[in-house]
């Protein structure tokens, strides 16, 4: 069976993954050795009404230098499960529809994927293969919450004044976001990324969905292709950051988005200014100074590299869930559900009952 095939048979999976099941992954690169993880997502509607629906994301459907999907399997007892894909955004969605007769609609998706730490050499442009022009155009467009004109463009032009290259401009925008924003623990979930409102109110507090969206929107506004990458943390950090990893196998509340921008000759460059601000606020003992050694190290590392204790789901904005009667969602990083009474609160895993667990698998 092709590793990309999506199946819904038995959940009996071996605890050890043979390296032969990782086609085209090859040996470890300078970025680090490959690791294999399994994430199980279970979503249950406790108070169904009429036809109930559940949507869950799967790992990025396109291979990248840092992640490769090893396939997913699902189960929706009493319901009808289907799979759809949006190739533009490397987005895969498992949808389950349950009739009114099902008292406890539940969808379970088990996904396996390989990751390795990801970094690019910023010291000198290389000969990276050119990106598809259509992909670059897509990642210059505005979205419903990420405009690229008005105050967004005006702010970006001011920040990048004097910068000569796209790399210089991206660096200026990254440093501005790190210096001027802050992580606001009161924001629900990861924040929705309404960057126009942030700039107009000059309230630069938020979480990753806000702060990294601010970088992406400003980069796009000055002609630099950029994109958010939506996902979830799956393991502890191996670089000594308690705040930048999942502390247990329960990752239900560990969602995190990152960002990339495109540079000619280098390719897609990973960045994460939001995680710098997370280190400032949350790294023990908390509320660190910007001059703290851990902060300065994270600030340097997170322009050009990611630690891949994290699963990437997709690049998608303004997602219309297939078969939904509700509005689009800004991104698809959390389980979603719906009944005849409307959309369930995706940021409330205790009432729209869902859990995510992760485990690392051994490679034989």
Protein backbone atom coordinates (compact mmCIF):
# COMPACT_ATOMS: atom_id res chain seq x y z
CA UNK A 1 0.00 0.00 0.00
CA UNK A 2 1.26 3.50 -0.85
CA UNK A 3 2.23 5.38 2.30
CA UNK A 4 -0.10 8.19 1.26
CA UNK A 5 -3.14 5.92 1.17
CA UNK A 6 -5.68 6.79 3.82
CA UNK A 7 -7.25 3.70 5.32
CA UNK A 8 -9.91 2.97 7.92
CA UNK A 9 -9.19 -0.57 9.00
CA UNK A 10 -7.94 -1.95 12.30
CA UNK A 11 -6.20 0.37 14.73
CA UNK A 12 -3.64 -2.32 15.58
CA UNK A 13 -0.34 -0.63 14.72
CA UNK A 14 3.19 -1.81 15.49
CA UNK A 15 5.11 0.07 18.16
CA UNK A 16 8.30 -0.06 16.08
CA UNK A 17 8.48 1.51 12.61
CA UNK A 18 10.86 -0.06 10.15
CA UNK A 19 13.05 2.42 8.32
CA UNK A 20 11.88 0.64 5.15
CA UNK A 21 8.43 2.17 5.71
CA UNK A 22 9.86 5.67 5.30
CA UNK A 23 10.28 5.91 1.51
CA UNK A 24 12.50 8.64 0.14
CA UNK A 25 13.31 10.00 3.57
CA UNK A 26 16.91 8.95 3.41
CA UNK A 27 19.56 9.41 6.03
CA UNK A 28 19.84 12.18 8.58
CA UNK A 29 20.67 15.59 7.18
CA UNK A 30 22.61 18.42 8.72
CA UNK A 31 19.27 19.47 10.21
CA UNK A 32 19.09 16.34 12.34
CA UNK A 33 17.88 12.73 12.27
CA UNK A 34 14.32 11.77 11.44
CA UNK A 35 11.90 10.98 14.27
CA UNK A 36 8.52 9.26 13.88
CA UNK A 37 5.43 10.22 15.85
CA UNK A 38 1.88 9.02 16.10
CA UNK A 39 -0.92 11.42 17.02
CA UNK A 40 -4.39 10.19 17.96
CA UNK A 41 -7.25 12.69 17.84
CA UNK A 42 -10.62 11.74 19.30
CA UNK A 43 -13.62 14.09 18.97
CA UNK A 44 -17.01 13.34 20.49
CA UNK A 45 -20.26 15.30 20.33
CA UNK A 46 -21.93 15.00 23.73
CA UNK A 47 -25.23 16.66 22.85
CA UNK A 48 -26.05 15.75 19.24
CA UNK A 49 -29.00 17.33 17.46
CA UNK A 50 -30.15 16.27 14.03
CA UNK A 51 -27.26 15.41 11.72
CA UNK A 52 -23.95 15.85 13.52
CA UNK A 53 -20.62 16.45 11.78
CA UNK A 54 -17.00 16.36 12.89
CA UNK A 55 -13.90 17.53 11.00
CA UNK A 56 -10.31 16.66 11.94
CA UNK A 57 -7.03 17.67 10.23
CA UNK A 58 -4.28 15.29 9.14
CA UNK A 59 -0.56 16.09 8.66
CA UNK A 60 0.60 18.20 5.72
CA UNK A 61 -0.24 16.29 2.57
CA UNK A 62 2.92 17.50 0.77
CA UNK A 63 6.41 16.39 1.75
CA UNK A 64 8.72 19.11 3.06
CA UNK A 65 12.36 19.12 4.19
CA UNK A 66 11.11 18.83 7.77
CA UNK A 67 8.03 16.59 7.64
CA UNK A 68 6.68 13.62 5.71
CA UNK A 69 3.28 12.05 6.22
CA UNK A 70 3.22 8.29 6.82
CA UNK A 71 -0.55 8.04 6.43
CA UNK A 72 -3.65 8.25 8.60
CA UNK A 73 -6.50 5.94 9.53
CA UNK A 74 -9.85 6.74 11.05
CA UNK A 75 -13.00 5.31 12.56
CA UNK A 76 -16.48 6.82 12.84
CA UNK A 77 -18.75 4.13 14.27
CA UNK A 78 -22.31 4.59 13.07
CA UNK A 79 -21.33 7.44 10.79
CA UNK A 80 -20.04 8.03 7.29
CA UNK A 81 -16.41 9.14 7.12
CA UNK A 82 -14.77 10.72 4.07
CA UNK A 83 -11.52 12.41 3.15
CA UNK A 84 -10.93 15.58 1.14
CA UNK A 85 -7.84 17.53 0.21
CA UNK A 86 -6.95 21.07 -0.87
CA UNK A 87 -3.64 20.81 -2.70
CA UNK A 88 -3.06 24.58 -2.70
CA UNK A 89 -2.61 24.53 1.05
CA UNK A 90 -1.44 20.92 1.59
CA UNK A 91 -4.61 20.53 3.63
CA UNK A 92 -6.21 17.15 4.35
CA UNK A 93 -9.53 16.86 6.19
CA UNK A 94 -11.30 13.82 7.58
CA UNK A 95 -15.04 14.47 7.83
CA UNK A 96 -17.63 12.30 9.54
CA UNK A 97 -21.42 12.68 9.25
CA UNK A 98 -23.63 11.01 11.86
CA UNK A 99 -27.40 10.50 11.61
CA UNK A 100 -29.68 11.59 14.42
CA UNK A 101 -29.96 7.96 15.57
CA UNK A 102 -26.32 7.92 16.75
CA UNK A 103 -26.40 8.90 20.43
CA UNK A 104 -22.68 9.65 20.80
CA UNK A 105 -21.06 10.70 17.50
CA UNK A 106 -17.32 10.07 17.71
CA UNK A 107 -14.53 10.36 15.14
CA UNK A 108 -11.04 8.99 15.83
CA UNK A 109 -8.10 9.74 13.54
CA UNK A 110 -4.64 8.21 14.00
CA UNK A 111 -1.83 9.84 12.01
CA UNK A 112 1.83 8.94 11.64
CA UNK A 113 4.50 11.26 10.35
CA UNK A 114 8.27 11.72 10.33
CA UNK A 115 9.95 14.99 11.32
CA UNK A 116 13.46 16.35 11.66
CA UNK A 117 14.78 19.67 12.91
CA UNK A 118 14.77 22.23 10.15
CA UNK A 119 17.21 25.03 9.43
CA UNK A 120 18.49 26.98 6.45
CA UNK A 121 21.88 28.57 5.83
CA UNK A 122 21.29 32.32 5.76
CA UNK A 123 24.94 33.26 5.33
CA UNK A 124 24.97 32.98 1.55
CA UNK A 125 22.22 32.39 -1.02
CA UNK A 126 22.53 28.97 -2.54
CA UNK A 127 21.00 27.32 -5.53
CA UNK A 128 17.70 26.14 -4.08
CA UNK A 129 15.19 25.06 -6.70
CA UNK A 130 12.85 27.86 -7.66
CA UNK A 131 9.35 27.70 -6.22
CA UNK A 132 6.32 27.41 -8.47
CA UNK A 133 5.25 30.99 -9.38
CA UNK A 134 1.64 30.08 -8.61
CA UNK A 135 2.64 29.15 -5.05
CA UNK A 136 4.45 32.45 -4.62
CA UNK A 137 1.43 34.39 -5.93
CA UNK A 138 -0.85 32.51 -3.54
CA UNK A 139 1.35 33.52 -0.62
CA UNK A 140 1.22 37.20 -1.53
CA UNK A 141 -2.58 37.39 -1.37
CA UNK A 142 -4.62 38.98 1.35
CA UNK A 143 -6.98 36.85 3.47
CA UNK A 144 -10.09 37.87 5.37
CA UNK A 145 -8.10 38.67 8.53
CA UNK A 146 -4.71 39.40 6.93
CA UNK A 147 -5.04 42.40 4.58
CA UNK A 148 -1.99 43.57 2.67
CA UNK A 149 -2.94 47.21 2.11
CA UNK A 150 -3.76 50.22 4.26
CA UNK A 151 -2.24 50.30 7.73
CA UNK A 152 -0.61 46.89 7.25
CA UNK A 153 1.37 47.99 4.22
CA UNK A 154 2.08 51.46 5.63
CA UNK A 155 3.50 49.93 8.81
CA UNK A 156 5.60 47.40 6.90
CA UNK A 157 7.02 50.07 4.58
CA UNK A 158 8.07 52.14 7.58
CA UNK A 159 9.68 49.15 9.31
CA UNK A 160 11.62 48.07 6.21
CA UNK A 161 12.79 51.54 5.20
CA UNK A 162 16.40 51.29 4.07
CA UNK A 163 16.35 47.49 3.72
CA UNK A 164 17.74 46.47 0.33
CA UNK A 165 16.87 42.79 -0.04
CA UNK A 166 13.91 40.59 0.82
CA UNK A 167 16.06 38.92 3.46
CA UNK A 168 16.84 42.30 5.04
CA UNK A 169 13.18 43.26 4.96
CA UNK A 170 12.09 39.96 6.50
CA UNK A 171 14.69 40.33 9.23
CA UNK A 172 13.49 43.87 9.99
CA UNK A 173 9.87 42.70 10.22
CA UNK A 174 10.82 39.75 12.44
CA UNK A 175 12.79 41.97 14.83
CA UNK A 176 9.95 44.50 14.96
CA UNK A 177 7.41 41.83 15.89
CA UNK A 178 9.74 40.46 18.57
CA UNK A 179 10.38 43.94 20.01
CA UNK A 180 6.88 45.40 19.88
CA UNK A 181 4.44 42.56 20.59
CA UNK A 182 3.77 40.51 23.70
CA UNK A 183 2.18 37.18 24.48
CA UNK A 184 -1.20 37.74 26.11
CA UNK A 185 -2.26 34.70 28.19
CA UNK A 186 -5.87 35.95 28.28
CA UNK A 187 -6.33 35.39 24.53
CA UNK A 188 -8.35 32.23 23.85
CA UNK A 189 -6.69 29.45 21.90
CA UNK A 190 -3.98 30.73 19.60
CA UNK A 191 -5.75 33.96 18.62
CA UNK A 192 -7.41 34.54 15.24
CA UNK A 193 -4.87 36.91 13.66
CA UNK A 194 -6.91 40.06 13.03
CA UNK A 195 -3.81 42.07 12.25
CA UNK A 196 -5.57 45.20 10.98
CA UNK A 197 -7.32 45.58 14.32
CA UNK A 198 -4.03 45.00 16.15
CA UNK A 199 -2.32 47.80 14.24
CA UNK A 200 -5.25 50.21 14.43
CA UNK A 201 -5.68 49.80 18.18
CA UNK A 202 -1.96 49.44 18.78
CA UNK A 203 -2.77 46.49 21.01
CA UNK A 204 0.08 44.20 20.07
CA UNK A 205 -0.80 41.46 22.54
CA UNK A 206 -1.80 38.02 21.34
CA UNK A 207 -0.66 34.48 20.76
CA UNK A 208 0.95 32.66 17.85
CA UNK A 209 -2.10 33.01 15.58
CA UNK A 210 -1.86 36.78 16.04
CA UNK A 211 1.85 37.52 16.25
CA UNK A 212 3.01 35.26 13.42
CA UNK A 213 0.09 36.42 11.27
CA UNK A 214 1.33 39.98 11.79
CA UNK A 215 4.71 38.98 10.38
CA UNK A 216 3.09 37.14 7.45
CA UNK A 217 0.74 39.97 6.56
CA UNK A 218 3.41 42.67 6.66
CA UNK A 219 5.81 40.51 4.64
CA UNK A 220 3.17 39.93 1.95
CA UNK A 221 2.35 43.64 1.88
CA UNK A 222 5.92 44.50 0.78
CA UNK A 223 6.13 41.75 -1.82
CA UNK A 224 7.68 38.91 0.19
CA UNK A 225 5.81 35.60 -0.14
CA UNK A 226 5.02 34.37 3.36
CA UNK A 227 2.67 31.90 5.02
CA UNK A 228 1.46 30.65 8.36
CA UNK A 229 1.93 26.94 9.09
CA UNK A 230 -0.69 25.58 11.48
CA UNK A 231 -0.01 22.62 13.76
CA UNK A 232 0.48 21.23 17.25
CA UNK A 233 3.43 20.49 19.55
CA UNK A 234 4.01 16.77 20.06
CA UNK A 235 7.06 16.42 22.35
CA UNK A 236 9.31 18.19 24.81
CA UNK A 237 11.95 20.58 23.54
CA UNK A 238 15.40 19.04 23.35
CA UNK A 239 17.02 22.48 23.59
CA UNK A 240 16.15 23.24 27.20
CA UNK A 241 12.97 25.28 26.68
CA UNK A 242 10.18 24.11 28.97
CA UNK A 243 7.77 26.56 27.30
CA UNK A 244 8.41 25.36 23.75
CA UNK A 245 7.30 21.76 23.98
CA UNK A 246 4.54 19.43 25.06
CA UNK A 247 5.15 18.33 28.63
CA UNK A 248 3.05 15.15 28.46
CA UNK A 249 1.55 12.81 25.87
CA UNK A 250 -1.71 14.77 26.18
CA UNK A 251 -1.37 17.55 23.60
CA UNK A 252 -5.02 18.63 23.53
CA UNK A 253 -4.10 22.26 24.24
CA UNK A 254 -0.69 22.32 22.53
CA UNK A 255 -1.72 23.88 19.19
CA UNK A 256 0.86 26.21 17.69
CA UNK A 257 1.32 27.96 14.37
CA UNK A 258 4.60 29.04 12.81
CA UNK A 259 5.59 31.12 9.79
CA UNK A 260 7.78 30.98 6.69
CA UNK A 261 8.90 33.47 4.08
CA UNK A 262 10.41 32.83 0.67
CA UNK A 263 13.89 34.06 -0.32
CA UNK A 264 15.34 33.59 -3.78
CA UNK A 265 18.21 31.09 -3.82
CA UNK A 266 17.39 29.86 -0.32
CA UNK A 267 13.76 28.78 -0.48
CA UNK A 268 11.27 28.85 2.36
CA UNK A 269 12.83 30.24 5.53
CA UNK A 270 11.34 29.14 8.88
CA UNK A 271 10.67 31.82 11.51
CA UNK A 272 8.69 32.03 14.75
CA UNK A 273 8.67 35.45 16.43
CA UNK A 274 5.67 34.40 18.53
CA UNK A 275 7.72 31.73 20.28
CA UNK A 276 10.33 34.32 21.25
CA UNK A 277 7.59 36.16 23.10
CA UNK A 278 6.42 32.87 24.62
CA UNK A 279 9.92 32.32 26.02
CA UNK A 280 9.84 35.84 27.51
CA UNK A 281 6.52 35.26 29.27
CA UNK A 282 6.56 31.57 30.19
CA UNK A 283 10.10 30.23 30.38
CA UNK A 284 10.90 29.61 34.08
CA UNK A 285 10.94 31.59 36.25
CA UNK A 286 8.73 33.69 33.93
CA UNK A 287 8.67 37.25 32.59
CA UNK A 288 12.27 37.14 31.43
CA UNK A 289 14.10 40.25 30.28
CA UNK A 290 14.73 40.63 26.56
CA UNK A 291 18.44 40.47 27.42
CA UNK A 292 18.11 37.12 29.19
CA UNK A 293 20.38 34.48 27.68
CA UNK A 294 17.47 32.15 26.87
CA UNK A 295 15.57 34.93 25.12
CA UNK A 296 18.52 36.06 23.01
CA UNK A 297 19.29 32.47 22.04
CA UNK A 298 15.66 31.82 21.02
CA UNK A 299 15.54 35.10 19.10
CA UNK A 300 18.57 34.09 17.09
CA UNK A 301 17.50 30.47 16.55
CA UNK A 302 13.92 31.22 15.50
CA UNK A 303 14.93 33.27 12.48
CA UNK A 304 15.96 30.48 10.13
CA UNK A 305 15.23 27.28 12.06
CA UNK A 306 12.55 25.26 13.82
CA UNK A 307 12.84 22.47 16.35
CA UNK A 308 10.54 19.79 14.96
CA UNK A 309 8.91 18.58 18.15
CA UNK A 310 5.82 19.76 16.28
CA UNK A 311 3.33 18.50 13.71
CA UNK A 312 2.39 20.74 10.77
CA UNK A 313 -1.20 20.42 9.52
CA UNK A 314 -1.54 22.95 6.69
CA UNK A 315 -1.00 26.46 5.32
CA UNK A 316 -4.73 27.11 4.86
CA UNK A 317 -6.58 30.34 5.63
CA UNK A 318 -10.33 31.01 5.34
CA UNK A 319 -11.26 27.33 5.38
CA UNK A 320 -14.72 26.24 4.30
CA UNK A 321 -15.29 22.93 6.05
CA UNK A 322 -16.72 20.44 3.54
CA UNK A 323 -20.44 19.87 4.08
CA UNK A 324 -20.70 22.55 6.77
CA UNK A 325 -23.62 24.95 6.99
CA UNK A 326 -21.53 27.37 9.05
CA UNK A 327 -19.10 30.14 8.12
CA UNK A 328 -15.49 29.77 7.08
CA UNK A 329 -12.90 29.42 9.82
CA UNK A 330 -9.69 31.51 9.76
CA UNK A 331 -7.54 28.36 9.94
CA UNK A 332 -7.96 24.64 10.65
CA UNK A 333 -5.78 23.79 13.63
CA UNK A 334 -8.39 22.51 16.10
CA UNK A 335 -11.07 19.80 15.85
CA UNK A 336 -14.38 21.20 14.61
CA UNK A 337 -17.93 19.95 15.10
CA UNK A 338 -21.44 20.96 14.18
CA UNK A 339 -25.03 19.91 14.89
CA UNK A 340 -28.37 21.16 13.60
CA UNK A 341 -28.10 23.81 16.33
CA UNK A 342 -24.89 25.23 14.89
CA UNK A 343 -21.10 25.12 15.11
CA UNK A 344 -19.51 23.87 18.31
CA UNK A 345 -16.83 25.86 20.14
CA UNK A 346 -13.54 24.51 18.81
CA UNK A 347 -11.64 26.19 21.64
CA UNK A 348 -13.57 24.35 24.36
CA UNK A 349 -12.32 20.74 24.40
CA UNK A 350 -14.14 20.04 27.69
CA UNK A 351 -17.61 20.68 26.27
CA UNK A 352 -16.99 19.86 22.62
CA UNK A 353 -15.22 16.78 23.95
CA UNK A 354 -11.94 16.12 22.17
CA UNK A 355 -8.46 14.93 23.06
CA UNK A 356 -5.14 14.70 21.25
CA UNK A 357 -2.35 12.39 22.36
CA UNK A 358 1.12 11.93 20.88
CA UNK A 359 3.79 9.27 21.20
CA UNK A 360 7.18 8.85 19.58
CA UNK A 361 7.75 5.56 17.83
CA UNK A 362 10.97 3.60 17.62
CA UNK A 363 12.63 3.25 14.22
CA UNK A 364 14.09 -0.17 13.65
